[in-house]
C-alpha atoms as a PDB file:
ATOM      1  CA  MET A   1      43.866 -10.610   5.387  1.00  0.00           C
ATOM      2  CA  THR A   2      43.158 -11.529   1.791  1.00  0.00           C
ATOM      3  CA  HIS A   3      45.322 -10.428  -1.097  1.00  0.00           C
ATOM      4  CA  LEU A   4      42.467  -8.233  -2.358  1.00  0.00           C
ATOM      5  CA  LEU A   5      42.203  -6.356   0.948  1.00  0.00           C
ATOM      6  CA  ARG A   6      45.984  -5.976   1.253  1.00  0.00           C
ATOM      7  CA  THR A   7      46.112  -4.542  -2.267  1.00  0.00           C
ATOM      8  CA  LEU A   8      43.163  -2.252  -1.554  1.00  0.00           C
ATOM      9  CA  HIS A   9      44.763  -0.960   1.659  1.00  0.00           C
ATOM     10  CA  LEU A  10      48.135  -0.481  -0.053  1.00  0.00           C
ATOM     11  CA  HIS A  11      46.649   1.646  -2.848  1.00  0.00           C
ATOM     12  CA  ALA A  12      44.473   3.567  -0.411  1.00  0.00           C
ATOM     13  CA  LYS A  13      47.502   4.371   1.744  1.00  0.00           C
ATOM     14  CA  LYS A  14      49.427   5.569  -1.331  1.00  0.00           C
ATOM     15  CA  ALA A  15      46.462   7.795  -2.240  1.00  0.00           C
ATOM     16  CA  GLY A  16      46.275   9.183   1.304  1.00  0.00           C
ATOM     17  CA  VAL A  17      42.877   7.606   1.968  1.00  0.00           C
ATOM     18  CA  SER A  18      42.199   5.927   5.272  1.00  0.00           C
ATOM     19  CA  LYS A  19      39.721   3.242   6.295  1.00  0.00           C
ATOM     20  CA  VAL A  20      38.941   1.801   2.892  1.00  0.00           C
ATOM     21  CA  SER A  21      36.846  -1.347   2.861  1.00  0.00           C
ATOM     22  CA  ILE A  22      35.066  -3.481   0.320  1.00  0.00           C
ATOM     23  CA  HIS A  23      31.849  -1.906   1.615  1.00  0.00           C
ATOM     24  CA  SER A  24      33.152   1.605   0.937  1.00  0.00           C
ATOM     25  CA  ILE A  25      34.092   0.586  -2.618  1.00  0.00           C
ATOM     26  CA  ARG A  26      30.581  -0.840  -3.080  1.00  0.00           C
ATOM     27  CA  HIS A  27      29.068   2.406  -1.765  1.00  0.00           C
ATOM     28  CA  LEU A  28      31.294   4.421  -4.100  1.00  0.00           C
ATOM     29  CA  HIS A  29      30.158   2.246  -6.994  1.00  0.00           C
ATOM     30  CA  VAL A  30      26.471   2.958  -6.267  1.00  0.00           C
ATOM     31  CA  SER A  31      27.219   6.671  -5.826  1.00  0.00           C
ATOM     32  CA  LEU A  32      28.923   6.816  -9.211  1.00  0.00           C
ATOM     33  CA  LEU A  33      26.043   4.965 -10.876  1.00  0.00           C
ATOM     34  CA  ILE A  34      23.565   7.452  -9.386  1.00  0.00           C
ATOM     35  CA  GLU A  35      25.753  10.359 -10.472  1.00  0.00           C
ATOM     36  CA  ALA A  36      25.848   8.899 -13.984  1.00  0.00           C
ATOM     37  CA  GLY A  37      22.048   8.866 -14.064  1.00  0.00           C
ATOM     38  CA  VAL A  38      21.564   5.094 -13.977  1.00  0.00           C
ATOM     39  CA  ASP A  39      18.008   4.248 -12.930  1.00  0.00           C
ATOM     40  CA  ILE A  40      17.386   2.821  -9.463  1.00  0.00           C
ATOM     41  CA  LYS A  41      15.996  -0.482 -10.783  1.00  0.00           C
ATOM     42  CA  THR A  42      19.180  -1.202 -12.723  1.00  0.00           C
ATOM     43  CA  ILE A  43      21.320  -0.253  -9.725  1.00  0.00           C
ATOM     44  CA  SER A  44      19.228  -2.443  -7.433  1.00  0.00           C
ATOM     45  CA  GLU A  45      19.577  -5.436  -9.736  1.00  0.00           C
ATOM     46  CA  ARG A  46      23.296  -4.860 -10.211  1.00  0.00           C
ATOM     47  CA  MET A  47      23.874  -4.725  -6.449  1.00  0.00           C
ATOM     48  CA  GLY A  48      21.817  -7.864  -5.876  1.00  0.00           C
ATOM     49  CA  HIS A  49      19.244  -6.129  -3.689  1.00  0.00           C
ATOM     50  CA  THR A  50      15.901  -7.842  -3.159  1.00  0.00           C
ATOM     51  CA  SER A  51      13.948  -4.740  -4.178  1.00  0.00           C
ATOM     52  CA  THR A  52      14.310  -1.152  -5.287  1.00  0.00           C
ATOM     53  CA  SER A  53      12.838  -0.193  -1.905  1.00  0.00           C
ATOM     54  CA  PHE A  54      15.875  -1.700  -0.202  1.00  0.00           C
ATOM     55  CA  THR A  55      18.187   0.251  -2.509  1.00  0.00           C
ATOM     56  CA  LEU A  56      16.282   3.488  -1.903  1.00  0.00           C
ATOM     57  CA  ASP A  57      16.396   2.925   1.862  1.00  0.00           C
ATOM     58  CA  ARG A  58      20.183   2.522   1.730  1.00  0.00           C
ATOM     59  CA  TYR A  59      21.095   5.110  -0.900  1.00  0.00           C
ATOM     60  CA  GLY A  60      18.171   7.552  -0.892  1.00  0.00           C
ATOM     61  CA  HIS A  61      20.339  10.211   0.739  1.00  0.00           C
ATOM     62  CA  ILE A  62      22.543  10.256  -2.354  1.00  0.00           C
ATOM     63  CA  LEU A  63      19.526  10.625  -4.619  1.00  0.00           C
ATOM     64  CA  ARG A  64      18.247  13.557  -2.549  1.00  0.00           C
ATOM     65  CA  GLN A  65      21.601  15.295  -3.005  1.00  0.00           C
ATOM     66  CA  HIS A  66      21.013  15.236  -6.755  1.00  0.00           C
ATOM     67  CA  GLN A  67      17.470  16.612  -6.734  1.00  0.00           C
ATOM     68  CA  ASP A  68      18.771  20.080  -7.578  1.00  0.00           C
ATOM     69  CA  LYS A  69      19.693  18.734 -11.007  1.00  0.00           C
ATOM     70  CA  THR A  70      16.004  18.147 -11.702  1.00  0.00           C
ATOM     71  CA  GLY A  71      15.079  21.730 -10.948  1.00  0.00           C
ATOM     72  CA  LEU A  72      14.146  22.575 -14.512  1.00  0.00           C
ATOM     73  CA  THR A  73      11.109  24.739 -14.697  1.00  0.00           C
ATOM     74  CA  VAL A  74       7.952  23.723 -16.471  1.00  0.00           C
ATOM     75  CA  SER A  75       8.462  26.608 -18.860  1.00  0.00           C
ATOM     76  CA  GLN A  76      11.992  25.447 -19.699  1.00  0.00           C
ATOM     77  CA  LEU A  77      10.562  22.072 -20.650  1.00  0.00           C
ATOM     78  CA  LEU A  78       7.366  23.102 -22.410  1.00  0.00           C
ATOM     79  CA  ASN A  79       7.959  26.530 -23.931  1.00  0.00           C
ATOM     80  CA  PRO A  80      10.135  25.195 -26.761  1.00  0.00           C
ATOM     81  CA  LEU A  81       7.235  22.936 -27.763  1.00  0.00           C
ATOM     82  CA  PHE A  82       4.771  25.822 -28.010  1.00  0.00           C
ATOM     83  CA  GLN A  83       6.896  28.638 -29.421  1.00  0.00           C
ATOM     84  CA  PHE A  84       5.214  28.352 -32.785  1.00  0.00           C
ATOM     85  CA  ASP A  85       1.893  29.710 -31.500  1.00  0.00           C
ATOM     86  CA  GLY A  86       3.224  32.152 -28.931  1.00  0.00           C
ATOM     87  CA  CYS A  87       2.100  30.273 -25.811  1.00  0.00           C
ATOM     88  CA  ARG A  88       4.241  30.877 -22.742  1.00  0.00           C
ATOM     89  CA  PHE A  89       4.093  28.990 -19.466  1.00  0.00           C
ATOM     90  CA  PRO A  90       4.819  30.793 -16.196  1.00  0.00           C
ATOM     91  CA  GLU A  91       8.145  30.123 -14.508  1.00  0.00           C
ATOM     92  CA  ARG A  92       7.698  27.491 -11.804  1.00  0.00           C
ATOM     93  CA  SER A  93      10.160  24.929 -10.525  1.00  0.00           C
ATOM     94  CA  LEU A  94       9.217  21.261 -10.777  1.00  0.00           C
ATOM     95  CA  ASN A  95      10.612  20.813  -7.256  1.00  0.00           C
ATOM     96  CA  SER A  96       8.155  23.285  -5.703  1.00  0.00           C
END
């Protein structure tokens, strides 16, 4: 076992986390980038993937978990632009 893995396992054990691997740290890294709003192309390049399609195939489930954050309605986005002339857009979710 390499020094890196021994150190990783030691800290994981102290934190009460089991089965930590380099792969799980890599997955956590991508998850945090997605959570931070980093675009998929940047993530794909950073991870060394051959394409964004590969990244989406592997991590698409994480992206789907964050779709609720994009649930702004059209009116929430556009009404502030048109308040000056009294136009109002009907409430409708962008996800529907």
